[in-house]
Amino acid sequence: MSDGVNKFLGDSPLRVLVKLVVVSILVGFVMTVFGWYPADIYFGIRNFLLDLWHTGFSALGRIGDYLLLGAAIVIPAFVILRVMSYRR
């Protein structure tokens, strides 16, 4: 059973625990220096995805505006050209 745990963790449990503590202290120090907190990272990712979501729908709304503006000119011109060519 001990071999299975060692194989799963990659080393003995005590050595893995020591490595995790050291890395956690280093990451915590770096995050404190930069003023980062786990909640800030979470909310930053969340806000990025929400902005991306809203910007995407805004772009679709602008495409719809362009479509309506263009159709206001193109459809009547198409109808006029078809009526004029129908007389021939």
PDB file of N, CA and C in Angstrom:
ATOM      1  N   MET A   1       0.823  -1.190   0.000  1.00  0.00           N
ATOM      2  CA  MET A   1       0.000   0.000   0.000  1.00  0.00           C
ATOM      3  C   MET A   1       0.867   1.253   0.000  1.00  0.00           C
ATOM      4  N   SER A   2       1.982   1.213   0.717  1.00  0.00           N
ATOM      5  CA  SER A   2       2.878   2.358   0.793  1.00  0.00           C
ATOM      6  C   SER A   2       3.443   2.685  -0.582  1.00  0.00           C
ATOM      7  N   ASP A   3       3.737   1.650  -1.367  1.00  0.00           N
ATOM      8  CA  ASP A   3       4.254   1.890  -2.708  1.00  0.00           C
ATOM      9  C   ASP A   3       3.212   2.582  -3.588  1.00  0.00           C
ATOM     10  N   GLY A   4       1.948   2.229  -3.409  1.00  0.00           N
ATOM     11  CA  GLY A   4       0.878   2.866  -4.183  1.00  0.00           C
ATOM     12  C   GLY A   4       0.744   4.344  -3.848  1.00  0.00           C
ATOM     13  N   VAL A   5       0.848   4.690  -2.561  1.00  0.00           N
ATOM     14  CA  VAL A   5       0.775   6.094  -2.145  1.00  0.00           C
ATOM     15  C   VAL A   5       1.974   6.863  -2.675  1.00  0.00           C
ATOM     16  N   ASN A   6       3.143   6.283  -2.551  1.00  0.00           N
ATOM     17  CA  ASN A   6       4.352   6.935  -3.062  1.00  0.00           C
ATOM     18  C   ASN A   6       4.273   7.139  -4.575  1.00  0.00           C
ATOM     19  N   LYS A   7       3.755   6.138  -5.259  1.00  0.00           N
ATOM     20  CA  LYS A   7       3.626   6.255  -6.711  1.00  0.00           C
ATOM     21  C   LYS A   7       2.619   7.347  -7.079  1.00  0.00           C
ATOM     22  N   PHE A   8       1.526   7.428  -6.338  1.00  0.00           N
ATOM     23  CA  PHE A   8       0.506   8.440  -6.607  1.00  0.00           C
ATOM     24  C   PHE A   8       1.046   9.845  -6.338  1.00  0.00           C
ATOM     25  N   LEU A   9       1.739  10.026  -5.202  1.00  0.00           N
ATOM     26  CA  LEU A   9       2.241  11.349  -4.835  1.00  0.00           C
ATOM     27  C   LEU A   9       3.535  11.714  -5.561  1.00  0.00           C
ATOM     28  N   GLY A  10       4.265  10.733  -6.027  1.00  0.00           N
ATOM     29  CA  GLY A  10       5.526  10.992  -6.695  1.00  0.00           C
ATOM     30  C   GLY A  10       6.713  10.959  -5.760  1.00  0.00           C
ATOM     31  N   ASP A  11       6.478  10.836  -4.480  1.00  0.00           N
ATOM     32  CA  ASP A  11       7.534  10.784  -3.472  1.00  0.00           C
ATOM     33  C   ASP A  11       6.888  10.347  -2.165  1.00  0.00           C
ATOM     34  N   SER A  12       7.655  10.323  -1.093  1.00  0.00           N
ATOM     35  CA  SER A  12       7.069   9.941   0.188  1.00  0.00           C
ATOM     36  C   SER A  12       6.126  11.049   0.667  1.00  0.00           C
ATOM     37  N   PRO A  13       5.098  10.696   1.422  1.00  0.00           N
ATOM     38  CA  PRO A  13       4.126  11.708   1.863  1.00  0.00           C
ATOM     39  C   PRO A  13       4.760  12.871   2.632  1.00  0.00           C
ATOM     40  N   LEU A  14       5.748  12.608   3.464  1.00  0.00           N
ATOM     41  CA  LEU A  14       6.369  13.679   4.238  1.00  0.00           C
ATOM     42  C   LEU A  14       7.132  14.641   3.335  1.00  0.00           C
ATOM     43  N   ARG A  15       7.860  14.116   2.372  1.00  0.00           N
ATOM     44  CA  ARG A  15       8.596  14.987   1.437  1.00  0.00           C
ATOM     45  C   ARG A  15       7.645  15.807   0.584  1.00  0.00           C
ATOM     46  N   VAL A  16       6.544  15.210   0.146  1.00  0.00           N
ATOM     47  CA  VAL A  16       5.555  15.950  -0.637  1.00  0.00           C
ATOM     48  C   VAL A  16       4.942  17.060   0.210  1.00  0.00           C
ATOM     49  N   LEU A  17       4.658  16.777   1.476  1.00  0.00           N
ATOM     50  CA  LEU A  17       4.098  17.780   2.373  1.00  0.00           C
ATOM     51  C   LEU A  17       5.057  18.950   2.559  1.00  0.00           C
ATOM     52  N   VAL A  18       6.342  18.654   2.739  1.00  0.00           N
ATOM     53  CA  VAL A  18       7.341  19.712   2.892  1.00  0.00           C
ATOM     54  C   VAL A  18       7.432  20.554   1.620  1.00  0.00           C
ATOM     55  N   LYS A  19       7.447  19.912   0.459  1.00  0.00           N
ATOM     56  CA  LYS A  19       7.497  20.634  -0.814  1.00  0.00           C
ATOM     57  C   LYS A  19       6.273  21.536  -0.976  1.00  0.00           C
ATOM     58  N   LEU A  20       5.097  21.018  -0.655  1.00  0.00           N
ATOM     59  CA  LEU A  20       3.882  21.813  -0.782  1.00  0.00           C
ATOM     60  C   LEU A  20       3.885  23.017   0.159  1.00  0.00           C
ATOM     61  N   VAL A  21       4.391  22.849   1.381  1.00  0.00           N
ATOM     62  CA  VAL A  21       4.473  23.960   2.332  1.00  0.00           C
ATOM     63  C   VAL A  21       5.423  25.037   1.814  1.00  0.00           C
ATOM     64  N   VAL A  22       6.591  24.620   1.307  1.00  0.00           N
ATOM     65  CA  VAL A  22       7.574  25.588   0.797  1.00  0.00           C
ATOM     66  C   VAL A  22       7.006  26.350  -0.397  1.00  0.00           C
ATOM     67  N   VAL A  23       6.415  25.650  -1.345  1.00  0.00           N
ATOM     68  CA  VAL A  23       5.848  26.302  -2.525  1.00  0.00           C
ATOM     69  C   VAL A  23       4.685  27.208  -2.122  1.00  0.00           C
ATOM     70  N   SER A  24       3.880  26.795  -1.155  1.00  0.00           N
ATOM     71  CA  SER A  24       2.765  27.629  -0.703  1.00  0.00           C
ATOM     72  C   SER A  24       3.262  28.920  -0.074  1.00  0.00           C
ATOM     73  N   ILE A  25       4.332  28.843   0.702  1.00  0.00           N
ATOM     74  CA  ILE A  25       4.904  30.044   1.306  1.00  0.00           C
ATOM     75  C   ILE A  25       5.439  30.982   0.230  1.00  0.00           C
ATOM     76  N   LEU A  26       6.141  30.437  -0.766  1.00  0.00           N
ATOM     77  CA  LEU A  26       6.681  31.265  -1.848  1.00  0.00           C
ATOM     78  C   LEU A  26       5.573  31.928  -2.657  1.00  0.00           C
ATOM     79  N   VAL A  27       4.560  31.172  -3.014  1.00  0.00           N
ATOM     80  CA  VAL A  27       3.444  31.726  -3.793  1.00  0.00           C
ATOM     81  C   VAL A  27       2.693  32.765  -2.966  1.00  0.00           C
ATOM     82  N   GLY A  28       2.497  32.496  -1.681  1.00  0.00           N
ATOM     83  CA  GLY A  28       1.837  33.460  -0.812  1.00  0.00           C
ATOM     84  C   GLY A  28       2.625  34.750  -0.697  1.00  0.00           C
ATOM     85  N   PHE A  29       3.955  34.649  -0.606  1.00  0.00           N
ATOM     86  CA  PHE A  29       4.804  35.831  -0.539  1.00  0.00           C
ATOM     87  C   PHE A  29       4.692  36.653  -1.819  1.00  0.00           C
ATOM     88  N   VAL A  30       4.798  35.999  -2.975  1.00  0.00           N
ATOM     89  CA  VAL A  30       4.703  36.702  -4.259  1.00  0.00           C
ATOM     90  C   VAL A  30       3.338  37.366  -4.412  1.00  0.00           C
ATOM     91  N   MET A  31       2.292  36.669  -4.031  1.00  0.00           N
ATOM     92  CA  MET A  31       0.944  37.243  -4.139  1.00  0.00           C
ATOM     93  C   MET A  31       0.786  38.446  -3.220  1.00  0.00           C
ATOM     94  N   THR A  32       1.386  38.404  -2.030  1.00  0.00           N
ATOM     95  CA  THR A  32       1.322  39.536  -1.109  1.00  0.00           C
ATOM     96  C   THR A  32       2.097  40.725  -1.650  1.00  0.00           C
ATOM     97  N   VAL A  33       3.258  40.466  -2.249  1.00  0.00           N
ATOM     98  CA  VAL A  33       4.065  41.550  -2.818  1.00  0.00           C
ATOM     99  C   VAL A  33       3.286  42.275  -3.911  1.00  0.00           C
ATOM    100  N   PHE A  34       2.593  41.539  -4.752  1.00  0.00           N
ATOM    101  CA  PHE A  34       1.837  42.147  -5.842  1.00  0.00           C
ATOM    102  C   PHE A  34       0.437  42.582  -5.430  1.00  0.00           C
ATOM    103  N   GLY A  35       0.041  42.291  -4.215  1.00  0.00           N
ATOM    104  CA  GLY A  35      -1.285  42.684  -3.744  1.00  0.00           C
ATOM    105  C   GLY A  35      -2.401  41.852  -4.339  1.00  0.00           C
ATOM    106  N   TRP A  36      -2.089  40.636  -4.698  1.00  0.00           N
ATOM    107  CA  TRP A  36      -3.090  39.735  -5.276  1.00  0.00           C
ATOM    108  C   TRP A  36      -3.714  38.891  -4.174  1.00  0.00           C
ATOM    109  N   TYR A  37      -4.997  38.642  -4.323  1.00  0.00           N
ATOM    110  CA  TYR A  37      -5.713  37.763  -3.401  1.00  0.00           C
ATOM    111  C   TYR A  37      -6.520  36.779  -4.233  1.00  0.00           C
ATOM    112  N   PRO A  38      -6.778  35.591  -3.712  1.00  0.00           N
ATOM    113  CA  PRO A  38      -7.522  34.602  -4.503  1.00  0.00           C
ATOM    114  C   PRO A  38      -8.867  35.137  -4.990  1.00  0.00           C
ATOM    115  N   ALA A  39      -9.555  35.911  -4.175  1.00  0.00           N
ATOM    116  CA  ALA A  39     -10.847  36.459  -4.602  1.00  0.00           C
ATOM    117  C   ALA A  39     -10.663  37.428  -5.763  1.00  0.00           C
ATOM    118  N   ASP A  40      -9.577  38.218  -5.756  1.00  0.00           N
ATOM    119  CA  ASP A  40      -9.316  39.150  -6.857  1.00  0.00           C
ATOM    120  C   ASP A  40      -9.077  38.401  -8.159  1.00  0.00           C
ATOM    121  N   ILE A  41      -8.355  37.307  -8.071  1.00  0.00           N
ATOM    122  CA  ILE A  41      -8.101  36.513  -9.272  1.00  0.00           C
ATOM    123  C   ILE A  41      -9.410  35.924  -9.792  1.00  0.00           C
ATOM    124  N   TYR A  42     -10.221  35.405  -8.892  1.00  0.00           N
ATOM    125  CA  TYR A  42     -11.503  34.836  -9.298  1.00  0.00           C
ATOM    126  C   TYR A  42     -12.388  35.901  -9.936  1.00  0.00           C
ATOM    127  N   PHE A  43     -12.517  37.059  -9.272  1.00  0.00           N
ATOM    128  CA  PHE A  43     -13.375  38.110  -9.812  1.00  0.00           C
ATOM    129  C   PHE A  43     -12.799  38.708 -11.093  1.00  0.00           C
ATOM    130  N   GLY A  44     -11.487  38.731 -11.225  1.00  0.00           N
ATOM    131  CA  GLY A  44     -10.880  39.210 -12.464  1.00  0.00           C
ATOM    132  C   GLY A  44     -11.232  38.316 -13.640  1.00  0.00           C
ATOM    133  N   ILE A  45     -11.145  37.004 -13.433  1.00  0.00           N
ATOM    134  CA  ILE A  45     -11.520  36.058 -14.493  1.00  0.00           C
ATOM    135  C   ILE A  45     -13.008  36.160 -14.790  1.00  0.00           C
ATOM    136  N   ARG A  46     -13.818  36.254 -13.736  1.00  0.00           N
ATOM    137  CA  ARG A  46     -15.265  36.354 -13.900  1.00  0.00           C
ATOM    138  C   ARG A  46     -15.641  37.627 -14.668  1.00  0.00           C
ATOM    139  N   ASN A  47     -15.051  38.759 -14.295  1.00  0.00           N
ATOM    140  CA  ASN A  47     -15.355  40.015 -14.973  1.00  0.00           C
ATOM    141  C   ASN A  47     -14.882  40.003 -16.418  1.00  0.00           C
ATOM    142  N   PHE A  48     -13.741  39.379 -16.677  1.00  0.00           N
ATOM    143  CA  PHE A  48     -13.253  39.259 -18.046  1.00  0.00           C
ATOM    144  C   PHE A  48     -14.242  38.481 -18.910  1.00  0.00           C
ATOM    145  N   LEU A  49     -14.730  37.362 -18.389  1.00  0.00           N
ATOM    146  CA  LEU A  49     -15.678  36.547 -19.157  1.00  0.00           C
ATOM    147  C   LEU A  49     -17.009  37.273 -19.348  1.00  0.00           C
ATOM    148  N   LEU A  50     -17.466  38.002 -18.326  1.00  0.00           N
ATOM    149  CA  LEU A  50     -18.709  38.764 -18.466  1.00  0.00           C
ATOM    150  C   LEU A  50     -18.559  39.888 -19.487  1.00  0.00           C
ATOM    151  N   ASP A  51     -17.422  40.600 -19.456  1.00  0.00           N
ATOM    152  CA  ASP A  51     -17.190  41.652 -20.441  1.00  0.00           C
ATOM    153  C   ASP A  51     -17.131  41.078 -21.847  1.00  0.00           C
ATOM    154  N   LEU A  52     -16.489  39.945 -21.981  1.00  0.00           N
ATOM    155  CA  LEU A  52     -16.418  39.284 -23.280  1.00  0.00           C
ATOM    156  C   LEU A  52     -17.811  38.893 -23.757  1.00  0.00           C
ATOM    157  N   TRP A  53     -18.626  38.379 -22.844  1.00  0.00           N
ATOM    158  CA  TRP A  53     -19.995  37.980 -23.174  1.00  0.00           C
ATOM    159  C   TRP A  53     -20.820  39.182 -23.634  1.00  0.00           C
ATOM    160  N   HIS A  54     -20.765  40.279 -22.865  1.00  0.00           N
ATOM    161  CA  HIS A  54     -21.551  41.458 -23.205  1.00  0.00           C
ATOM    162  C   HIS A  54     -21.042  42.142 -24.471  1.00  0.00           C
ATOM    163  N   THR A  55     -19.744  42.153 -24.670  1.00  0.00           N
ATOM    164  CA  THR A  55     -19.183  42.750 -25.875  1.00  0.00           C
ATOM    165  C   THR A  55     -19.588  41.947 -27.103  1.00  0.00           C
ATOM    166  N   GLY A  56     -19.647  40.645 -26.964  1.00  0.00           N
ATOM    167  CA  GLY A  56     -20.062  39.814 -28.095  1.00  0.00           C
ATOM    168  C   GLY A  56     -21.475  40.122 -28.519  1.00  0.00           C
ATOM    169  N   PHE A  57     -22.387  40.252 -27.559  1.00  0.00           N
ATOM    170  CA  PHE A  57     -23.760  40.578 -27.917  1.00  0.00           C
ATOM    171  C   PHE A  57     -23.883  42.013 -28.414  1.00  0.00           C
ATOM    172  N   SER A  58     -23.050  42.890 -27.911  1.00  0.00           N
ATOM    173  CA  SER A  58     -23.050  44.262 -28.403  1.00  0.00           C
ATOM    174  C   SER A  58     -22.627  44.289 -29.868  1.00  0.00           C
ATOM    175  N   ALA A  59     -21.629  43.477 -30.212  1.00  0.00           N
ATOM    176  CA  ALA A  59     -21.181  43.400 -31.603  1.00  0.00           C
ATOM    177  C   ALA A  59     -22.301  42.860 -32.489  1.00  0.00           C
ATOM    178  N   LEU A  60     -23.026  41.876 -31.993  1.00  0.00           N
ATOM    179  CA  LEU A  60     -24.157  41.360 -32.772  1.00  0.00           C
ATOM    180  C   LEU A  60     -25.224  42.419 -32.946  1.00  0.00           C
ATOM    181  N   GLY A  61     -25.446  43.232 -31.933  1.00  0.00           N
ATOM    182  CA  GLY A  61     -26.412  44.321 -32.043  1.00  0.00           C
ATOM    183  C   GLY A  61     -25.985  45.338 -33.080  1.00  0.00           C
ATOM    184  N   ARG A  62     -24.691  45.632 -33.131  1.00  0.00           N
ATOM    185  CA  ARG A  62     -24.192  46.568 -34.137  1.00  0.00           C
ATOM    186  C   ARG A  62     -24.335  45.989 -35.537  1.00  0.00           C
ATOM    187  N   ILE A  63     -24.130  44.689 -35.696  1.00  0.00           N
ATOM    188  CA  ILE A  63     -24.302  44.065 -37.006  1.00  0.00           C
ATOM    189  C   ILE A  63     -25.761  44.178 -37.439  1.00  0.00           C
ATOM    190  N   GLY A  64     -26.671  44.000 -36.487  1.00  0.00           N
ATOM    191  CA  GLY A  64     -28.093  44.171 -36.796  1.00  0.00           C
ATOM    192  C   GLY A  64     -28.412  45.598 -37.220  1.00  0.00           C
ATOM    193  N   ASP A  65     -27.788  46.576 -36.560  1.00  0.00           N
ATOM    194  CA  ASP A  65     -27.979  47.979 -36.958  1.00  0.00           C
ATOM    195  C   ASP A  65     -27.469  48.207 -38.377  1.00  0.00           C
ATOM    196  N   TYR A  66     -26.290  47.664 -38.681  1.00  0.00           N
ATOM    197  CA  TYR A  66     -25.736  47.808 -40.024  1.00  0.00           C
ATOM    198  C   TYR A  66     -26.645  47.151 -41.060  1.00  0.00           C
ATOM    199  N   LEU A  67     -27.197  46.008 -40.696  1.00  0.00           N
ATOM    200  CA  LEU A  67     -28.095  45.305 -41.608  1.00  0.00           C
ATOM    201  C   LEU A  67     -29.335  46.139 -41.907  1.00  0.00           C
ATOM    202  N   LEU A  68     -29.935  46.709 -40.878  1.00  0.00           N
ATOM    203  CA  LEU A  68     -31.138  47.523 -41.086  1.00  0.00           C
ATOM    204  C   LEU A  68     -30.839  48.790 -41.871  1.00  0.00           C
ATOM    205  N   LEU A  69     -29.725  49.440 -41.560  1.00  0.00           N
ATOM    206  CA  LEU A  69     -29.369  50.647 -42.304  1.00  0.00           C
ATOM    207  C   LEU A  69     -29.104  50.335 -43.774  1.00  0.00           C
ATOM    208  N   GLY A  70     -28.375  49.276 -44.031  1.00  0.00           N
ATOM    209  CA  GLY A  70     -28.092  48.899 -45.414  1.00  0.00           C
ATOM    210  C   GLY A  70     -29.349  48.451 -46.152  1.00  0.00           C
ATOM    211  N   ALA A  71     -30.212  47.728 -45.448  1.00  0.00           N
ATOM    212  CA  ALA A  71     -31.448  47.250 -46.083  1.00  0.00           C
ATOM    213  C   ALA A  71     -32.366  48.404 -46.429  1.00  0.00           C
ATOM    214  N   ALA A  72     -32.319  49.497 -45.698  1.00  0.00           N
ATOM    215  CA  ALA A  72     -33.153  50.662 -45.997  1.00  0.00           C
ATOM    216  C   ALA A  72     -32.812  51.241 -47.369  1.00  0.00           C
ATOM    217  N   ILE A  73     -31.602  51.043 -47.845  1.00  0.00           N
ATOM    218  CA  ILE A  73     -31.193  51.524 -49.161  1.00  0.00           C
ATOM    219  C   ILE A  73     -31.253  50.403 -50.197  1.00  0.00           C
ATOM    220  N   VAL A  74     -30.777  49.230 -49.843  1.00  0.00           N
ATOM    221  CA  VAL A  74     -30.633  48.139 -50.808  1.00  0.00           C
ATOM    222  C   VAL A  74     -31.981  47.580 -51.248  1.00  0.00           C
ATOM    223  N   ILE A  75     -32.906  47.362 -50.340  1.00  0.00           N
ATOM    224  CA  ILE A  75     -34.197  46.749 -50.701  1.00  0.00           C
ATOM    225  C   ILE A  75     -34.996  47.644 -51.651  1.00  0.00           C
ATOM    226  N   PRO A  76     -35.165  48.941 -51.345  1.00  0.00           N
ATOM    227  CA  PRO A  76     -35.882  49.771 -52.328  1.00  0.00           C
ATOM    228  C   PRO A  76     -35.165  49.850 -53.678  1.00  0.00           C
ATOM    229  N   ALA A  77     -33.837  49.924 -53.670  1.00  0.00           N
ATOM    230  CA  ALA A  77     -33.099  49.962 -54.930  1.00  0.00           C
ATOM    231  C   ALA A  77     -33.304  48.665 -55.703  1.00  0.00           C
ATOM    232  N   PHE A  78     -33.303  47.529 -55.005  1.00  0.00           N
ATOM    233  CA  PHE A  78     -33.535  46.248 -55.650  1.00  0.00           C
ATOM    234  C   PHE A  78     -34.928  46.194 -56.279  1.00  0.00           C
ATOM    235  N   VAL A  79     -35.925  46.649 -55.523  1.00  0.00           N
ATOM    236  CA  VAL A  79     -37.302  46.647 -56.037  1.00  0.00           C
ATOM    237  C   VAL A  79     -37.418  47.551 -57.252  1.00  0.00           C
ATOM    238  N   ILE A  80     -36.833  48.740 -57.190  1.00  0.00           N
ATOM    239  CA  ILE A  80     -36.894  49.672 -58.326  1.00  0.00           C
ATOM    240  C   ILE A  80     -36.208  49.070 -59.541  1.00  0.00           C
ATOM    241  N   LEU A  81     -35.048  48.468 -59.371  1.00  0.00           N
ATOM    242  CA  LEU A  81     -34.341  47.852 -60.496  1.00  0.00           C
ATOM    243  C   LEU A  81     -35.132  46.683 -61.079  1.00  0.00           C
ATOM    244  N   ARG A  82     -35.787  45.893 -60.231  1.00  0.00           N
ATOM    245  CA  ARG A  82     -36.576  44.761 -60.720  1.00  0.00           C
ATOM    246  C   ARG A  82     -37.799  45.250 -61.487  1.00  0.00           C
ATOM    247  N   VAL A  83     -38.432  46.296 -60.986  1.00  0.00           N
ATOM    248  CA  VAL A  83     -39.609  46.843 -61.690  1.00  0.00           C
ATOM    249  C   VAL A  83     -39.198  47.417 -63.020  1.00  0.00           C
ATOM    250  N   MET A  84     -38.068  48.121 -63.047  1.00  0.00           N
ATOM    251  CA  MET A  84     -37.620  48.703 -64.313  1.00  0.00           C
ATOM    252  C   MET A  84     -37.204  47.633 -65.319  1.00  0.00           C
ATOM    253  N   SER A  85     -36.605  46.549 -64.862  1.00  0.00           N
ATOM    254  CA  SER A  85     -36.205  45.480 -65.783  1.00  0.00           C
ATOM    255  C   SER A  85     -37.408  44.614 -66.168  1.00  0.00           C
ATOM    256  N   TYR A  86     -38.474  44.627 -65.388  1.00  0.00           N
ATOM    257  CA  TYR A  86     -39.665  43.842 -65.688  1.00  0.00           C
ATOM    258  C   TYR A  86     -40.397  44.418 -66.899  1.00  0.00           C
ATOM    259  N   ARG A  87     -40.325  45.722 -67.088  1.00  0.00           N
ATOM    260  CA  ARG A  87     -41.028  46.367 -68.207  1.00  0.00           C
ATOM    261  C   ARG A  87     -40.481  45.944 -69.549  1.00  0.00           C
ATOM    262  N   ARG A  88     -39.265  45.565 -69.630  1.00  0.00           N
ATOM    263  CA  ARG A  88     -38.655  45.224 -70.921  1.00  0.00           C
ATOM    264  C   ARG A  88     -39.232  43.990 -71.459  1.00  0.00           C
TER     265      ARG A  88
END
